[in-house]
Amino acid sequence: MVELPDNVRALFGGANFAHVATVLPNGGPHSVPVWIALEGDRLAFFTQPGSRKARNLEADPRVGISIVDHDEPYKMAQIRGRVVETVGGDEALAIMDRMSLRYTGKPFPHRQGVAVLIEPEKVFWMTLPFEHTPGA
């Protein structure tokens, strides 16, 4: 596991959407947008058991994650890692509620699912030399 630099940790501390890429049974990529958060030194996202994402991760725990700063979209990070734990029940719901409060200001309305915990193995941070003009 690699330690996330402060600038990358800050991205995961905000309400920034990420994309999680998993491996399909045929070897192709499957990428979906997710809410994501830091849980200690691990990354966490929520999913439903039996979803395409969950089935992919059961077969192959490798993931690719990209995250972009909501306010400054030219600040971004890419992380490669692997699933090291999946938690359910009250522990998963507590993780999801913390994420939902950060993203929406309210607890998560769906009361079932699992939290997937990822240990980062490779981290890449980039800031592109562009200025973001919202609405332009």
N, C-alpha and C. Protein backbone atom coordinates (compact mmCIF):
# COMPACT_ATOMS: atom_id res chain seq x y z
N MET A 1 0.84 -1.18 0.00
CA MET A 1 0.00 0.00 0.00
C MET A 1 0.89 1.24 0.00
N VAL A 2 0.50 2.24 -0.79
CA VAL A 2 1.21 3.51 -0.81
C VAL A 2 0.41 4.54 -0.03
N GLU A 3 1.12 5.49 0.53
CA GLU A 3 0.46 6.57 1.26
C GLU A 3 0.00 7.63 0.27
N LEU A 4 -1.21 8.13 0.49
CA LEU A 4 -1.73 9.17 -0.39
C LEU A 4 -1.16 10.52 0.01
N PRO A 5 -0.62 11.29 -0.95
CA PRO A 5 -0.14 12.64 -0.65
C PRO A 5 -1.30 13.53 -0.19
N ASP A 6 -0.98 14.60 0.51
CA ASP A 6 -2.00 15.49 1.06
C ASP A 6 -2.94 16.04 -0.02
N ASN A 7 -2.41 16.40 -1.20
CA ASN A 7 -3.27 16.95 -2.25
C ASN A 7 -4.27 15.91 -2.76
N VAL A 8 -3.89 14.66 -2.79
CA VAL A 8 -4.79 13.58 -3.20
C VAL A 8 -5.79 13.30 -2.08
N ARG A 9 -5.32 13.28 -0.84
CA ARG A 9 -6.24 13.07 0.30
C ARG A 9 -7.32 14.16 0.30
N ALA A 10 -6.95 15.38 -0.04
CA ALA A 10 -7.91 16.48 -0.06
C ALA A 10 -9.02 16.23 -1.09
N LEU A 11 -8.66 15.66 -2.24
CA LEU A 11 -9.68 15.33 -3.24
C LEU A 11 -10.71 14.34 -2.68
N PHE A 12 -10.23 13.35 -1.94
CA PHE A 12 -11.13 12.34 -1.39
C PHE A 12 -11.87 12.85 -0.16
N GLY A 13 -11.45 13.97 0.38
CA GLY A 13 -12.15 14.57 1.51
C GLY A 13 -13.28 15.48 1.09
N GLY A 14 -13.31 15.84 -0.20
CA GLY A 14 -14.37 16.71 -0.70
C GLY A 14 -15.49 15.91 -1.34
N ALA A 15 -16.50 16.62 -1.81
CA ALA A 15 -17.64 15.98 -2.48
C ALA A 15 -17.35 15.83 -3.97
N ASN A 16 -16.23 15.21 -4.29
CA ASN A 16 -15.81 15.02 -5.67
C ASN A 16 -16.21 13.62 -6.15
N PHE A 17 -16.79 13.56 -7.33
CA PHE A 17 -17.17 12.27 -7.88
C PHE A 17 -15.92 11.58 -8.43
N ALA A 18 -15.93 10.27 -8.33
CA ALA A 18 -14.85 9.47 -8.87
C ALA A 18 -15.43 8.48 -9.86
N HIS A 19 -14.59 7.92 -10.68
CA HIS A 19 -14.96 6.80 -11.53
C HIS A 19 -14.12 5.62 -11.09
N VAL A 20 -14.79 4.49 -10.91
CA VAL A 20 -14.12 3.25 -10.53
C VAL A 20 -14.18 2.30 -11.72
N ALA A 21 -13.03 1.84 -12.13
CA ALA A 21 -12.95 0.87 -13.23
C ALA A 21 -12.62 -0.50 -12.67
N THR A 22 -13.41 -1.47 -13.10
CA THR A 22 -13.18 -2.87 -12.72
C THR A 22 -12.99 -3.67 -14.01
N VAL A 23 -12.70 -4.96 -13.87
CA VAL A 23 -12.44 -5.81 -15.02
C VAL A 23 -13.63 -6.75 -15.24
N LEU A 24 -14.21 -6.70 -16.44
CA LEU A 24 -15.31 -7.58 -16.80
C LEU A 24 -14.81 -9.02 -17.00
N PRO A 25 -15.70 -9.99 -16.97
CA PRO A 25 -15.26 -11.38 -17.18
C PRO A 25 -14.52 -11.61 -18.50
N ASN A 26 -14.85 -10.82 -19.54
CA ASN A 26 -14.15 -10.99 -20.82
C ASN A 26 -12.84 -10.20 -20.88
N GLY A 27 -12.45 -9.57 -19.75
CA GLY A 27 -11.20 -8.81 -19.70
C GLY A 27 -11.35 -7.34 -20.03
N GLY A 28 -12.53 -6.93 -20.47
CA GLY A 28 -12.77 -5.54 -20.82
C GLY A 28 -12.96 -4.68 -19.58
N PRO A 29 -12.90 -3.36 -19.76
CA PRO A 29 -13.09 -2.45 -18.63
C PRO A 29 -14.56 -2.17 -18.37
N HIS A 30 -14.87 -1.91 -17.12
CA HIS A 30 -16.21 -1.48 -16.70
C HIS A 30 -15.99 -0.30 -15.77
N SER A 31 -16.48 0.88 -16.14
CA SER A 31 -16.24 2.08 -15.35
C SER A 31 -17.57 2.71 -14.97
N VAL A 32 -17.69 3.09 -13.69
CA VAL A 32 -18.91 3.70 -13.20
C VAL A 32 -18.57 4.87 -12.26
N PRO A 33 -19.41 5.91 -12.25
CA PRO A 33 -19.20 7.01 -11.30
C PRO A 33 -19.67 6.58 -9.91
N VAL A 34 -18.94 7.03 -8.89
CA VAL A 34 -19.28 6.68 -7.51
C VAL A 34 -18.97 7.85 -6.58
N TRP A 35 -19.65 7.84 -5.44
CA TRP A 35 -19.20 8.64 -4.30
C TRP A 35 -18.05 7.85 -3.70
N ILE A 36 -17.07 8.55 -3.17
CA ILE A 36 -15.90 7.86 -2.63
C ILE A 36 -15.36 8.65 -1.45
N ALA A 37 -14.72 7.96 -0.53
CA ALA A 37 -14.20 8.62 0.68
C ALA A 37 -12.99 7.90 1.19
N LEU A 38 -12.27 8.59 2.05
CA LEU A 38 -11.18 7.97 2.79
C LEU A 38 -11.73 7.35 4.06
N GLU A 39 -11.32 6.14 4.34
CA GLU A 39 -11.59 5.48 5.61
C GLU A 39 -10.21 5.08 6.13
N GLY A 40 -9.63 5.95 6.95
CA GLY A 40 -8.25 5.74 7.38
C GLY A 40 -7.35 5.95 6.18
N ASP A 41 -6.54 4.95 5.84
CA ASP A 41 -5.65 5.03 4.68
C ASP A 41 -6.23 4.31 3.46
N ARG A 42 -7.45 3.83 3.58
CA ARG A 42 -8.10 3.12 2.48
C ARG A 42 -9.16 4.01 1.84
N LEU A 43 -9.48 3.69 0.61
CA LEU A 43 -10.57 4.35 -0.10
C LEU A 43 -11.80 3.47 0.03
N ALA A 44 -12.96 4.10 0.13
CA ALA A 44 -14.20 3.34 0.28
C ALA A 44 -15.25 3.85 -0.68
N PHE A 45 -16.01 2.92 -1.24
CA PHE A 45 -17.22 3.26 -1.98
C PHE A 45 -18.27 2.22 -1.65
N PHE A 46 -19.48 2.50 -2.00
CA PHE A 46 -20.63 1.68 -1.63
C PHE A 46 -21.19 1.03 -2.88
N THR A 47 -21.66 -0.20 -2.74
CA THR A 47 -22.29 -0.88 -3.87
C THR A 47 -23.30 -1.88 -3.36
N GLN A 48 -24.10 -2.38 -4.26
CA GLN A 48 -25.07 -3.40 -3.93
C GLN A 48 -24.48 -4.77 -4.25
N PRO A 49 -24.63 -5.74 -3.34
CA PRO A 49 -24.18 -7.10 -3.66
C PRO A 49 -24.90 -7.58 -4.93
N GLY A 50 -24.17 -8.26 -5.78
CA GLY A 50 -24.76 -8.76 -7.01
C GLY A 50 -24.74 -7.79 -8.16
N SER A 51 -24.36 -6.52 -7.91
CA SER A 51 -24.25 -5.57 -9.01
C SER A 51 -23.09 -5.98 -9.92
N ARG A 52 -23.08 -5.45 -11.13
CA ARG A 52 -21.99 -5.76 -12.07
C ARG A 52 -20.64 -5.42 -11.44
N LYS A 53 -20.56 -4.28 -10.79
CA LYS A 53 -19.32 -3.84 -10.14
C LYS A 53 -18.90 -4.85 -9.06
N ALA A 54 -19.85 -5.25 -8.21
CA ALA A 54 -19.55 -6.20 -7.13
C ALA A 54 -19.11 -7.55 -7.69
N ARG A 55 -19.79 -8.01 -8.72
CA ARG A 55 -19.42 -9.31 -9.32
C ARG A 55 -18.02 -9.23 -9.94
N ASN A 56 -17.72 -8.11 -10.60
CA ASN A 56 -16.38 -7.95 -11.17
C ASN A 56 -15.32 -8.00 -10.07
N LEU A 57 -15.58 -7.32 -8.96
CA LEU A 57 -14.59 -7.26 -7.87
C LEU A 57 -14.42 -8.59 -7.16
N GLU A 58 -15.46 -9.40 -7.12
CA GLU A 58 -15.33 -10.74 -6.54
C GLU A 58 -14.39 -11.59 -7.37
N ALA A 59 -14.44 -11.43 -8.69
CA ALA A 59 -13.60 -12.21 -9.59
C ALA A 59 -12.18 -11.67 -9.70
N ASP A 60 -12.04 -10.35 -9.61
CA ASP A 60 -10.73 -9.71 -9.78
C ASP A 60 -10.73 -8.44 -8.93
N PRO A 61 -9.95 -8.41 -7.85
CA PRO A 61 -10.01 -7.28 -6.92
C PRO A 61 -9.30 -6.01 -7.37
N ARG A 62 -8.72 -6.01 -8.56
CA ARG A 62 -8.00 -4.83 -9.03
C ARG A 62 -8.98 -3.74 -9.46
N VAL A 63 -8.64 -2.48 -9.14
CA VAL A 63 -9.46 -1.34 -9.53
C VAL A 63 -8.57 -0.21 -10.01
N GLY A 64 -9.16 0.62 -10.86
CA GLY A 64 -8.58 1.89 -11.23
C GLY A 64 -9.57 2.96 -10.82
N ILE A 65 -9.09 4.02 -10.23
CA ILE A 65 -9.96 5.09 -9.75
C ILE A 65 -9.43 6.41 -10.31
N SER A 66 -10.33 7.20 -10.85
CA SER A 66 -9.96 8.57 -11.23
C SER A 66 -10.90 9.51 -10.49
N ILE A 67 -10.35 10.61 -10.03
CA ILE A 67 -11.14 11.60 -9.30
C ILE A 67 -10.70 12.98 -9.75
N VAL A 68 -11.68 13.86 -9.92
CA VAL A 68 -11.43 15.21 -10.41
C VAL A 68 -12.02 16.19 -9.40
N ASP A 69 -11.30 17.26 -9.13
CA ASP A 69 -11.78 18.29 -8.22
C ASP A 69 -13.01 18.97 -8.81
N HIS A 70 -14.08 18.99 -8.06
CA HIS A 70 -15.35 19.57 -8.51
C HIS A 70 -15.20 21.04 -8.89
N ASP A 71 -14.44 21.79 -8.10
CA ASP A 71 -14.29 23.22 -8.33
C ASP A 71 -13.16 23.57 -9.29
N GLU A 72 -12.18 22.73 -9.38
CA GLU A 72 -11.03 22.94 -10.27
C GLU A 72 -10.80 21.66 -11.07
N PRO A 73 -11.55 21.44 -12.16
CA PRO A 73 -11.50 20.16 -12.86
C PRO A 73 -10.16 19.83 -13.53
N TYR A 74 -9.21 20.74 -13.47
CA TYR A 74 -7.90 20.43 -14.00
C TYR A 74 -6.95 19.90 -12.92
N LYS A 75 -7.49 19.69 -11.72
CA LYS A 75 -6.78 19.00 -10.65
C LYS A 75 -7.38 17.62 -10.55
N MET A 76 -6.55 16.60 -10.66
CA MET A 76 -7.07 15.24 -10.68
C MET A 76 -6.05 14.24 -10.17
N ALA A 77 -6.56 13.09 -9.80
CA ALA A 77 -5.69 12.00 -9.37
C ALA A 77 -6.18 10.70 -9.99
N GLN A 78 -5.25 9.81 -10.20
CA GLN A 78 -5.55 8.45 -10.66
C GLN A 78 -4.89 7.50 -9.69
N ILE A 79 -5.64 6.49 -9.29
CA ILE A 79 -5.14 5.53 -8.30
C ILE A 79 -5.38 4.13 -8.82
N ARG A 80 -4.39 3.30 -8.68
CA ARG A 80 -4.58 1.86 -8.91
C ARG A 80 -4.48 1.20 -7.55
N GLY A 81 -5.34 0.22 -7.35
CA GLY A 81 -5.32 -0.49 -6.08
C GLY A 81 -6.08 -1.78 -6.17
N ARG A 82 -6.40 -2.31 -4.99
CA ARG A 82 -7.16 -3.56 -4.97
C ARG A 82 -8.05 -3.60 -3.75
N VAL A 83 -9.14 -4.32 -3.89
CA VAL A 83 -10.08 -4.52 -2.79
C VAL A 83 -9.39 -5.38 -1.74
N VAL A 84 -9.41 -4.90 -0.50
CA VAL A 84 -8.83 -5.68 0.59
C VAL A 84 -9.89 -6.11 1.60
N GLU A 85 -11.07 -5.50 1.51
CA GLU A 85 -12.12 -5.86 2.44
C GLU A 85 -13.45 -5.34 1.91
N THR A 86 -14.48 -6.10 2.19
CA THR A 86 -15.85 -5.68 1.92
C THR A 86 -16.61 -5.81 3.23
N VAL A 87 -17.26 -4.75 3.65
CA VAL A 87 -17.99 -4.78 4.93
C VAL A 87 -19.47 -4.52 4.67
N GLY A 88 -20.29 -5.11 5.50
CA GLY A 88 -21.73 -4.95 5.38
C GLY A 88 -22.32 -4.46 6.68
N GLY A 89 -23.64 -4.52 6.76
CA GLY A 89 -24.36 -4.19 7.98
C GLY A 89 -24.18 -2.75 8.43
N ASP A 90 -24.19 -2.58 9.75
CA ASP A 90 -24.11 -1.24 10.33
C ASP A 90 -22.82 -0.51 9.97
N GLU A 91 -21.71 -1.26 9.87
CA GLU A 91 -20.43 -0.62 9.52
C GLU A 91 -20.49 -0.02 8.11
N ALA A 92 -21.06 -0.75 7.15
CA ALA A 92 -21.19 -0.24 5.79
C ALA A 92 -22.12 0.96 5.76
N LEU A 93 -23.23 0.89 6.49
CA LEU A 93 -24.18 2.00 6.49
C LEU A 93 -23.59 3.25 7.14
N ALA A 94 -22.75 3.08 8.15
CA ALA A 94 -22.09 4.23 8.77
C ALA A 94 -21.16 4.91 7.77
N ILE A 95 -20.42 4.12 7.00
CA ILE A 95 -19.53 4.67 5.96
C ILE A 95 -20.37 5.41 4.92
N MET A 96 -21.45 4.78 4.49
CA MET A 96 -22.28 5.40 3.46
C MET A 96 -22.96 6.66 3.96
N ASP A 97 -23.41 6.67 5.20
CA ASP A 97 -24.02 7.88 5.75
C ASP A 97 -23.02 9.03 5.81
N ARG A 98 -21.76 8.74 6.19
CA ARG A 98 -20.73 9.79 6.21
C ARG A 98 -20.53 10.36 4.81
N MET A 99 -20.50 9.48 3.81
CA MET A 99 -20.34 9.95 2.43
C MET A 99 -21.55 10.77 2.01
N SER A 100 -22.74 10.25 2.26
CA SER A 100 -23.96 10.93 1.84
C SER A 100 -24.09 12.31 2.48
N LEU A 101 -23.72 12.41 3.75
CA LEU A 101 -23.77 13.72 4.42
C LEU A 101 -22.84 14.71 3.74
N ARG A 102 -21.67 14.23 3.31
CA ARG A 102 -20.72 15.11 2.63
C ARG A 102 -21.22 15.52 1.26
N TYR A 103 -21.86 14.61 0.53
CA TYR A 103 -22.32 14.90 -0.83
C TYR A 103 -23.67 15.60 -0.86
N THR A 104 -24.59 15.25 0.06
CA THR A 104 -25.97 15.76 -0.03
C THR A 104 -26.44 16.49 1.21
N GLY A 105 -25.71 16.34 2.32
CA GLY A 105 -26.15 16.94 3.58
C GLY A 105 -27.19 16.10 4.31
N LYS A 106 -27.47 14.90 3.80
CA LYS A 106 -28.48 14.02 4.42
C LYS A 106 -27.94 12.60 4.51
N PRO A 107 -28.47 11.80 5.47
CA PRO A 107 -28.09 10.38 5.52
C PRO A 107 -28.52 9.67 4.23
N PHE A 108 -27.86 8.58 3.93
CA PHE A 108 -28.16 7.81 2.73
C PHE A 108 -29.51 7.12 2.89
N PRO A 109 -30.42 7.28 1.93
CA PRO A 109 -31.78 6.76 2.10
C PRO A 109 -31.91 5.24 1.93
N HIS A 110 -31.01 4.60 1.20
CA HIS A 110 -31.10 3.15 1.00
C HIS A 110 -30.35 2.46 2.12
N ARG A 111 -30.97 1.54 2.78
CA ARG A 111 -30.40 0.96 3.99
C ARG A 111 -29.86 -0.45 3.80
N GLN A 112 -29.36 -0.73 2.60
CA GLN A 112 -28.70 -2.00 2.37
C GLN A 112 -27.57 -1.80 1.39
N GLY A 113 -26.60 -2.70 1.43
CA GLY A 113 -25.46 -2.62 0.54
C GLY A 113 -24.18 -2.92 1.31
N VAL A 114 -23.07 -2.83 0.62
CA VAL A 114 -21.77 -3.10 1.22
C VAL A 114 -20.80 -1.97 0.89
N ALA A 115 -19.85 -1.77 1.77
CA ALA A 115 -18.77 -0.82 1.52
C ALA A 115 -17.55 -1.62 1.07
N VAL A 116 -16.94 -1.17 0.00
CA VAL A 116 -15.76 -1.81 -0.56
C VAL A 116 -14.56 -0.97 -0.16
N LEU A 117 -13.56 -1.59 0.46
CA LEU A 117 -12.36 -0.87 0.91
C LEU A 117 -11.18 -1.23 0.01
N ILE A 118 -10.53 -0.20 -0.47
CA ILE A 118 -9.43 -0.32 -1.44
C ILE A 118 -8.13 0.16 -0.81
N GLU A 119 -7.08 -0.61 -0.99
CA GLU A 119 -5.74 -0.14 -0.62
C GLU A 119 -5.06 0.38 -1.88
N PRO A 120 -4.65 1.65 -1.88
CA PRO A 120 -3.96 2.21 -3.05
C PRO A 120 -2.58 1.56 -3.23
N GLU A 121 -2.24 1.27 -4.48
CA GLU A 121 -0.93 0.70 -4.80
C GLU A 121 -0.08 1.63 -5.65
N LYS A 122 -0.73 2.48 -6.41
CA LYS A 122 -0.01 3.45 -7.26
C LYS A 122 -0.88 4.70 -7.33
N VAL A 123 -0.25 5.86 -7.19
CA VAL A 123 -0.98 7.13 -7.17
C VAL A 123 -0.31 8.10 -8.15
N PHE A 124 -1.15 8.75 -8.94
CA PHE A 124 -0.66 9.76 -9.88
C PHE A 124 -1.51 11.01 -9.70
N TRP A 125 -0.88 12.14 -9.47
CA TRP A 125 -1.55 13.43 -9.28
C TRP A 125 -1.17 14.33 -10.43
N MET A 126 -2.14 15.12 -10.91
CA MET A 126 -1.85 16.03 -12.01
C MET A 126 -2.66 17.31 -11.86
N THR A 127 -2.02 18.41 -12.13
CA THR A 127 -2.71 19.69 -12.30
C THR A 127 -2.34 20.20 -13.68
N LEU A 128 -3.34 20.35 -14.53
CA LEU A 128 -3.09 20.85 -15.88
C LEU A 128 -3.04 22.38 -15.86
N PRO A 129 -2.27 22.98 -16.78
CA PRO A 129 -2.09 24.44 -16.76
C PRO A 129 -3.22 25.20 -17.46
N PHE A 130 -4.44 24.88 -17.09
CA PHE A 130 -5.60 25.56 -17.66
C PHE A 130 -6.37 26.25 -16.55
N GLU A 131 -7.14 27.23 -16.93
CA GLU A 131 -7.99 27.94 -15.98
C GLU A 131 -9.44 27.55 -16.24
N HIS A 132 -10.13 27.14 -15.20
CA HIS A 132 -11.52 26.71 -15.34
C HIS A 132 -12.43 27.91 -15.32
N THR A 133 -13.28 28.01 -16.33
CA THR A 133 -14.28 29.07 -16.40
C THR A 133 -15.65 28.41 -16.40
N PRO A 134 -16.33 28.34 -15.23
CA PRO A 134 -17.63 27.67 -15.17
C PRO A 134 -18.61 28.29 -16.17
N GLY A 135 -19.34 27.42 -16.85
CA GLY A 135 -20.36 27.87 -17.78
C GLY A 135 -19.85 28.34 -19.13
N ALA A 136 -18.54 28.31 -19.32
CA ALA A 136 -17.99 28.79 -20.60
C ALA A 136 -18.06 27.72 -21.65
